[in-house]
Amino acid sequence: MSDYQTISCEAHSIYELAIMRGQSIQVSIDGDMQIIQPKDILTKTGAEYLIFVDENNVQQELRADLIIVNP
């Protein structure tokens, strides 16, 4: 059984809007505040993954429930 926790509809909407608009958002990953630019969100193996470009211009893919969207 996976430890994946479904993300909120609000977080999913924030990701989708940022993807469509090409905008960056502030998030927390492992307690570290970062500005990322979401590129896509996809589902695989029963979990949602966010593909994004980080502050160092490196594309990453991370399980969406491990990212906290900051208002």
N, C-alpha and C. Protein backbone atom coordinates (compact mmCIF):
# COMPACT_ATOMS: atom_id res chain seq x y z
N MET A 1 0.84 -1.19 0.00
CA MET A 1 0.00 0.00 0.00
C MET A 1 0.88 1.25 0.00
N SER A 2 0.48 2.22 -0.79
CA SER A 2 1.24 3.47 -0.92
C SER A 2 0.93 4.42 0.23
N ASP A 3 1.90 5.27 0.55
CA ASP A 3 1.67 6.29 1.57
C ASP A 3 1.22 7.61 0.94
N TYR A 4 0.87 7.58 -0.35
CA TYR A 4 0.43 8.78 -1.07
C TYR A 4 -0.84 9.34 -0.44
N GLN A 5 -0.85 10.68 -0.25
CA GLN A 5 -2.03 11.40 0.25
C GLN A 5 -2.56 12.29 -0.87
N THR A 6 -3.82 12.13 -1.23
CA THR A 6 -4.42 12.93 -2.29
C THR A 6 -4.26 14.41 -1.99
N ILE A 7 -3.89 15.20 -3.01
CA ILE A 7 -3.75 16.64 -2.80
C ILE A 7 -5.13 17.29 -2.86
N SER A 8 -5.23 18.47 -2.28
CA SER A 8 -6.51 19.17 -2.25
C SER A 8 -6.88 19.68 -3.64
N CYS A 9 -8.16 19.89 -3.85
CA CYS A 9 -8.64 20.48 -5.11
C CYS A 9 -8.04 21.87 -5.30
N GLU A 10 -7.88 22.60 -4.20
CA GLU A 10 -7.31 23.95 -4.26
C GLU A 10 -5.87 23.90 -4.78
N ALA A 11 -5.06 23.00 -4.24
CA ALA A 11 -3.66 22.88 -4.68
C ALA A 11 -3.61 22.48 -6.15
N HIS A 12 -4.47 21.54 -6.54
CA HIS A 12 -4.50 21.09 -7.93
C HIS A 12 -4.86 22.25 -8.85
N SER A 13 -5.83 23.06 -8.45
CA SER A 13 -6.23 24.23 -9.24
C SER A 13 -5.10 25.25 -9.35
N ILE A 14 -4.38 25.46 -8.26
CA ILE A 14 -3.24 26.40 -8.28
C ILE A 14 -2.19 25.92 -9.27
N TYR A 15 -1.88 24.62 -9.25
CA TYR A 15 -0.91 24.07 -10.20
C TYR A 15 -1.39 24.24 -11.63
N GLU A 16 -2.65 23.90 -11.89
CA GLU A 16 -3.17 23.98 -13.26
C GLU A 16 -3.16 25.41 -13.79
N LEU A 17 -3.56 26.38 -12.95
CA LEU A 17 -3.54 27.78 -13.38
C LEU A 17 -2.12 28.26 -13.65
N ALA A 18 -1.19 27.90 -12.78
CA ALA A 18 0.21 28.30 -12.98
C ALA A 18 0.76 27.68 -14.27
N ILE A 19 0.39 26.44 -14.56
CA ILE A 19 0.84 25.78 -15.79
C ILE A 19 0.29 26.52 -17.00
N MET A 20 -1.01 26.78 -17.00
CA MET A 20 -1.65 27.45 -18.15
C MET A 20 -1.12 28.86 -18.37
N ARG A 21 -0.82 29.56 -17.28
CA ARG A 21 -0.37 30.96 -17.37
C ARG A 21 1.15 31.11 -17.44
N GLY A 22 1.88 30.02 -17.26
CA GLY A 22 3.34 30.09 -17.26
C GLY A 22 3.88 30.86 -16.06
N GLN A 23 3.16 30.79 -14.94
CA GLN A 23 3.53 31.54 -13.74
C GLN A 23 4.34 30.69 -12.76
N SER A 24 5.11 31.37 -11.95
CA SER A 24 5.83 30.74 -10.85
C SER A 24 4.99 30.84 -9.58
N ILE A 25 5.20 29.88 -8.68
CA ILE A 25 4.50 29.89 -7.40
C ILE A 25 5.50 29.59 -6.28
N GLN A 26 5.13 30.00 -5.07
CA GLN A 26 5.97 29.73 -3.91
C GLN A 26 5.46 28.47 -3.23
N VAL A 27 6.38 27.56 -2.95
CA VAL A 27 6.02 26.30 -2.31
C VAL A 27 7.05 25.96 -1.23
N SER A 28 6.72 24.94 -0.46
CA SER A 28 7.65 24.40 0.52
C SER A 28 7.89 22.93 0.16
N ILE A 29 9.16 22.58 0.01
CA ILE A 29 9.54 21.20 -0.27
C ILE A 29 10.55 20.80 0.80
N ASP A 30 10.19 19.79 1.57
CA ASP A 30 11.03 19.36 2.70
C ASP A 30 11.34 20.51 3.65
N GLY A 31 10.38 21.40 3.86
CA GLY A 31 10.55 22.53 4.76
C GLY A 31 11.33 23.68 4.19
N ASP A 32 11.75 23.58 2.93
CA ASP A 32 12.54 24.62 2.28
C ASP A 32 11.65 25.42 1.34
N MET A 33 11.55 26.73 1.57
CA MET A 33 10.74 27.60 0.71
C MET A 33 11.43 27.77 -0.64
N GLN A 34 10.67 27.59 -1.71
CA GLN A 34 11.21 27.71 -3.06
C GLN A 34 10.20 28.38 -3.98
N ILE A 35 10.71 28.99 -5.03
CA ILE A 35 9.87 29.49 -6.12
C ILE A 35 10.06 28.52 -7.27
N ILE A 36 8.95 27.92 -7.73
CA ILE A 36 9.03 26.97 -8.83
C ILE A 36 8.08 27.40 -9.95
N GLN A 37 8.32 26.88 -11.13
CA GLN A 37 7.41 27.10 -12.25
C GLN A 37 6.86 25.73 -12.67
N PRO A 38 5.60 25.45 -12.30
CA PRO A 38 4.99 24.18 -12.69
C PRO A 38 4.88 24.08 -14.21
N LYS A 39 5.17 22.89 -14.74
CA LYS A 39 5.10 22.64 -16.18
C LYS A 39 4.00 21.65 -16.55
N ASP A 40 3.73 20.67 -15.66
CA ASP A 40 2.70 19.68 -15.93
C ASP A 40 2.38 18.95 -14.64
N ILE A 41 1.19 18.39 -14.59
CA ILE A 41 0.82 17.52 -13.47
C ILE A 41 0.23 16.26 -14.09
N LEU A 42 0.70 15.11 -13.60
CA LEU A 42 0.27 13.85 -14.20
C LEU A 42 0.05 12.82 -13.12
N THR A 43 -0.68 11.78 -13.50
CA THR A 43 -0.96 10.68 -12.58
C THR A 43 -0.28 9.43 -13.10
N LYS A 44 0.44 8.78 -12.20
CA LYS A 44 1.03 7.49 -12.53
C LYS A 44 1.19 6.68 -11.26
N THR A 45 1.08 5.40 -11.37
CA THR A 45 1.16 4.46 -10.25
C THR A 45 0.30 4.89 -9.07
N GLY A 46 -0.88 5.46 -9.37
CA GLY A 46 -1.83 5.81 -8.33
C GLY A 46 -1.51 7.08 -7.57
N ALA A 47 -0.59 7.91 -8.07
CA ALA A 47 -0.24 9.15 -7.39
C ALA A 47 -0.08 10.27 -8.42
N GLU A 48 -0.27 11.51 -7.97
CA GLU A 48 -0.07 12.66 -8.84
C GLU A 48 1.36 13.18 -8.67
N TYR A 49 1.94 13.56 -9.80
CA TYR A 49 3.30 14.09 -9.82
C TYR A 49 3.30 15.45 -10.48
N LEU A 50 4.07 16.37 -9.91
CA LEU A 50 4.22 17.69 -10.48
C LEU A 50 5.58 17.77 -11.16
N ILE A 51 5.57 18.18 -12.42
CA ILE A 51 6.80 18.45 -13.15
C ILE A 51 6.98 19.95 -13.09
N PHE A 52 8.16 20.39 -12.66
CA PHE A 52 8.39 21.82 -12.47
C PHE A 52 9.85 22.17 -12.72
N VAL A 53 10.09 23.47 -12.91
CA VAL A 53 11.44 23.98 -13.02
C VAL A 53 11.74 24.70 -11.71
N ASP A 54 12.85 24.33 -11.08
CA ASP A 54 13.19 24.92 -9.78
C ASP A 54 13.95 26.23 -9.94
N GLU A 55 14.38 26.79 -8.82
CA GLU A 55 15.08 28.09 -8.80
C GLU A 55 16.42 28.05 -9.53
N ASN A 56 16.97 26.86 -9.72
CA ASN A 56 18.25 26.72 -10.43
C ASN A 56 18.05 26.36 -11.89
N ASN A 57 16.80 26.51 -12.36
CA ASN A 57 16.42 26.22 -13.75
C ASN A 57 16.60 24.75 -14.11
N VAL A 58 16.40 23.87 -13.12
CA VAL A 58 16.50 22.43 -13.31
C VAL A 58 15.09 21.85 -13.28
N GLN A 59 14.75 21.07 -14.31
CA GLN A 59 13.43 20.44 -14.32
C GLN A 59 13.44 19.24 -13.39
N GLN A 60 12.37 19.13 -12.58
CA GLN A 60 12.23 18.05 -11.62
C GLN A 60 10.84 17.46 -11.71
N GLU A 61 10.70 16.27 -11.19
CA GLU A 61 9.40 15.61 -11.05
C GLU A 61 9.31 15.12 -9.62
N LEU A 62 8.25 15.52 -8.92
CA LEU A 62 8.11 15.16 -7.51
C LEU A 62 6.66 14.83 -7.23
N ARG A 63 6.45 13.85 -6.38
CA ARG A 63 5.09 13.50 -5.99
C ARG A 63 4.41 14.74 -5.40
N ALA A 64 3.23 15.04 -5.88
CA ALA A 64 2.55 16.30 -5.53
C ALA A 64 2.23 16.43 -4.05
N ASP A 65 2.02 15.33 -3.36
CA ASP A 65 1.69 15.43 -1.93
C ASP A 65 2.90 15.78 -1.07
N LEU A 66 4.08 15.81 -1.65
CA LEU A 66 5.29 16.19 -0.92
C LEU A 66 5.60 17.69 -1.06
N ILE A 67 4.71 18.39 -1.78
CA ILE A 67 4.88 19.83 -2.02
C ILE A 67 3.74 20.56 -1.33
N ILE A 68 4.08 21.60 -0.58
CA ILE A 68 3.06 22.43 0.09
C ILE A 68 3.00 23.76 -0.60
N VAL A 69 1.82 24.11 -1.12
CA VAL A 69 1.63 25.39 -1.79
C VAL A 69 1.48 26.47 -0.74
N ASN A 70 2.22 27.56 -0.90
CA ASN A 70 2.13 28.69 0.03
C ASN A 70 1.28 29.78 -0.59
N PRO A 71 0.41 30.37 0.21
CA PRO A 71 -0.47 31.42 -0.32
C PRO A 71 0.28 32.66 -0.73
